[in-house]
């Protein structure tokens, strides 16, 4: 990418992260203000409920109560993502990989804001046809971003093999 295109991509990336975090925080605010008093609302019977949960741990509630650990871990992960974002080649092939990184970063920021402000993460989406933990939009961002990064790393992006001389 040329310098001007790279600067535009960075600006668009920052705006994208901000918009995704705002959307995540807005949905959590709705869950906190409208859903917390009633705890649960069926959206699609047998498929999706809105269920208010105060998640004080990570995925599946593991490491519950380790608020400071998660805040520090998020800062380290965010720094690593930003560093990777700048170090990755500025070619078209890495565009989608950077998009995956932006999704993970947006999800990390969305959940760390909850931990810092409330002391827990607001989860509210519950798939009811299987036994699965309640989650939120930030969790969706992280999962989609991580899957995209994994897929691209395994099947799309190929490093040039060094030729033996």
Protein backbone atom coordinates (compact mmCIF):
# COMPACT_ATOMS: atom_id res chain seq x y z
CA UNK A 1 0.00 0.00 0.00
CA UNK A 2 1.16 3.52 -0.65
CA UNK A 3 1.75 5.87 2.29
CA UNK A 4 -1.47 7.82 1.69
CA UNK A 5 -3.53 4.62 1.44
CA UNK A 6 -1.84 3.30 4.60
CA UNK A 7 -2.77 6.46 6.53
CA UNK A 8 -6.36 6.20 5.31
CA UNK A 9 -6.47 2.55 6.35
CA UNK A 10 -5.22 3.45 9.85
CA UNK A 11 -7.84 6.20 10.22
CA UNK A 12 -10.60 3.88 9.01
CA UNK A 13 -9.33 1.17 11.37
CA UNK A 14 -9.45 3.48 14.39
CA UNK A 15 -12.95 4.64 13.47
CA UNK A 16 -14.04 1.02 13.00
CA UNK A 17 -12.74 -0.01 16.44
CA UNK A 18 -14.45 2.99 18.06
CA UNK A 19 -17.78 2.20 16.31
CA UNK A 20 -17.65 -1.49 17.25
CA UNK A 21 -16.86 -0.65 20.88
CA UNK A 22 -19.69 1.90 20.98
CA UNK A 23 -22.12 -0.67 19.54
CA UNK A 24 -20.97 -3.25 22.12
CA UNK A 25 -21.29 -0.78 24.99
CA UNK A 26 -24.71 0.39 23.79
CA UNK A 27 -26.08 -3.16 23.71
CA UNK A 28 -24.63 -3.81 27.18
CA UNK A 29 -26.20 -0.58 28.44
CA UNK A 30 -29.56 -1.75 27.06
CA UNK A 31 -29.09 -5.11 28.77
CA UNK A 32 -28.07 -3.43 32.02
CA UNK A 33 -30.97 -0.96 32.08
CA UNK A 34 -33.78 -2.98 30.49
CA UNK A 35 -32.88 -6.63 31.03
CA UNK A 36 -31.26 -6.68 34.47
CA UNK A 37 -34.54 -5.99 36.31
CA UNK A 38 -36.36 -8.84 34.54
CA UNK A 39 -33.31 -11.17 34.15
CA UNK A 40 -34.57 -12.96 31.01
CA UNK A 41 -36.61 -12.39 27.86
CA UNK A 42 -37.33 -15.01 25.22
CA UNK A 43 -36.48 -13.70 21.75
CA UNK A 44 -36.92 -16.82 19.59
CA UNK A 45 -38.40 -19.68 21.62
CA UNK A 46 -36.06 -22.65 21.74
CA UNK A 47 -33.26 -20.73 20.01
CA UNK A 48 -32.32 -17.34 21.53
CA UNK A 49 -32.99 -15.59 24.83
CA UNK A 50 -31.74 -12.34 26.29
CA UNK A 51 -30.46 -13.33 29.73
CA UNK A 52 -28.65 -10.85 31.98
CA UNK A 53 -25.43 -12.25 33.49
CA UNK A 54 -22.67 -10.54 35.46
CA UNK A 55 -19.57 -12.36 34.22
CA UNK A 56 -16.69 -11.85 36.65
CA UNK A 57 -14.42 -14.31 34.83
CA UNK A 58 -13.34 -15.10 31.30
CA UNK A 59 -14.99 -17.48 28.84
CA UNK A 60 -17.22 -19.97 30.66
CA UNK A 61 -16.63 -17.94 33.85
CA UNK A 62 -13.10 -19.30 34.36
CA UNK A 63 -10.75 -17.33 36.61
CA UNK A 64 -13.69 -15.59 38.22
CA UNK A 65 -12.79 -12.56 40.30
CA UNK A 66 -9.43 -11.93 38.62
CA UNK A 67 -10.36 -8.41 37.46
CA UNK A 68 -6.87 -6.88 37.63
CA UNK A 69 -5.38 -9.88 35.82
CA UNK A 70 -7.85 -9.47 32.94
CA UNK A 71 -7.24 -5.73 32.68
CA UNK A 72 -3.46 -6.24 32.54
CA UNK A 73 -3.83 -9.14 30.10
CA UNK A 74 -6.03 -7.00 27.83
CA UNK A 75 -3.44 -4.20 27.86
CA UNK A 76 -0.71 -6.68 26.85
CA UNK A 77 -2.86 -8.23 24.12
CA UNK A 78 -3.87 -4.78 22.82
CA UNK A 79 -0.22 -3.69 22.69
CA UNK A 80 0.66 -6.89 20.83
CA UNK A 81 -2.14 -6.35 18.33
CA UNK A 82 -1.16 -2.73 17.68
CA UNK A 83 2.49 -3.77 17.29
CA UNK A 84 1.52 -6.58 14.89
CA UNK A 85 -0.72 -4.22 12.96
CA UNK A 86 2.24 -1.96 12.19
CA UNK A 87 4.76 -4.75 11.62
CA UNK A 88 2.69 -6.80 9.19
CA UNK A 89 3.53 -6.21 5.55
CA UNK A 90 1.63 -3.34 3.98
CA UNK A 91 0.38 -5.49 1.14
CA UNK A 92 -3.12 -6.40 0.07
CA UNK A 93 -2.74 -10.01 1.24
CA UNK A 94 -2.57 -8.88 4.87
CA UNK A 95 -5.61 -6.62 4.74
CA UNK A 96 -8.03 -9.29 6.03
CA UNK A 97 -5.57 -10.40 8.69
CA UNK A 98 -5.52 -6.81 9.95
CA UNK A 99 -9.33 -6.83 9.92
CA UNK A 100 -9.25 -9.90 12.16
CA UNK A 101 -6.86 -8.11 14.51
CA UNK A 102 -9.21 -5.12 14.62
CA UNK A 103 -12.13 -7.36 15.58
CA UNK A 104 -10.14 -8.97 18.41
CA UNK A 105 -8.98 -5.54 19.59
CA UNK A 106 -12.55 -4.17 19.53
CA UNK A 107 -13.83 -7.11 21.56
CA UNK A 108 -10.98 -6.82 24.06
CA UNK A 109 -11.66 -3.10 24.54
CA UNK A 110 -15.41 -3.67 24.87
CA UNK A 111 -15.00 -6.20 27.66
CA UNK A 112 -12.19 -4.37 29.48
CA UNK A 113 -14.36 -1.24 29.66
CA UNK A 114 -16.95 -3.31 31.54
CA UNK A 115 -14.33 -4.72 33.91
CA UNK A 116 -12.97 -1.26 34.67
CA UNK A 117 -16.35 0.48 35.05
CA UNK A 118 -18.56 -2.21 36.62
CA UNK A 119 -16.09 -4.81 37.87
CA UNK A 120 -17.70 -7.45 35.64
CA UNK A 121 -18.63 -8.02 31.99
CA UNK A 122 -22.28 -7.74 30.99
CA UNK A 123 -23.34 -10.83 29.04
CA UNK A 124 -26.86 -11.11 27.64
CA UNK A 125 -27.05 -13.34 24.53
CA UNK A 126 -28.05 -16.92 25.29
CA UNK A 127 -28.40 -19.63 22.68
CA UNK A 128 -30.95 -21.98 24.20
CA UNK A 129 -30.93 -25.00 21.86
CA UNK A 130 -27.50 -26.04 23.19
CA UNK A 131 -25.80 -25.67 26.55
CA UNK A 132 -23.54 -22.68 25.97
CA UNK A 133 -22.48 -19.76 28.18
CA UNK A 134 -24.20 -16.40 27.85
CA UNK A 135 -22.11 -13.96 25.79
CA UNK A 136 -22.10 -10.44 24.29
CA UNK A 137 -21.13 -8.60 21.10
CA UNK A 138 -17.51 -8.13 22.21
CA UNK A 139 -17.22 -11.91 22.56
CA UNK A 140 -18.56 -12.30 19.02
CA UNK A 141 -15.96 -9.84 17.73
CA UNK A 142 -13.15 -11.79 19.41
CA UNK A 143 -14.34 -15.18 18.13
CA UNK A 144 -14.89 -14.00 14.54
CA UNK A 145 -11.57 -12.13 14.54
CA UNK A 146 -9.64 -15.08 15.97
CA UNK A 147 -11.24 -17.50 13.48
CA UNK A 148 -10.42 -15.16 10.61
CA UNK A 149 -6.80 -14.84 11.76
CA UNK A 150 -6.47 -18.61 12.19
CA UNK A 151 -8.02 -19.39 8.81
CA UNK A 152 -5.88 -16.83 6.97
CA UNK A 153 -2.72 -17.93 8.77
CA UNK A 154 -3.28 -21.60 7.99
CA UNK A 155 -4.75 -21.54 4.51
CA UNK A 156 -4.29 -18.22 2.75
CA UNK A 157 -1.13 -16.35 3.68
CA UNK A 158 1.96 -18.20 2.54
CA UNK A 159 5.47 -17.12 3.37
CA UNK A 160 7.93 -17.36 0.52
CA UNK A 161 10.11 -20.36 1.12
CA UNK A 162 13.79 -19.50 1.30
CA UNK A 163 15.60 -21.02 -1.61
CA UNK A 164 18.74 -22.94 -0.83
CA UNK A 165 21.79 -21.69 -2.66
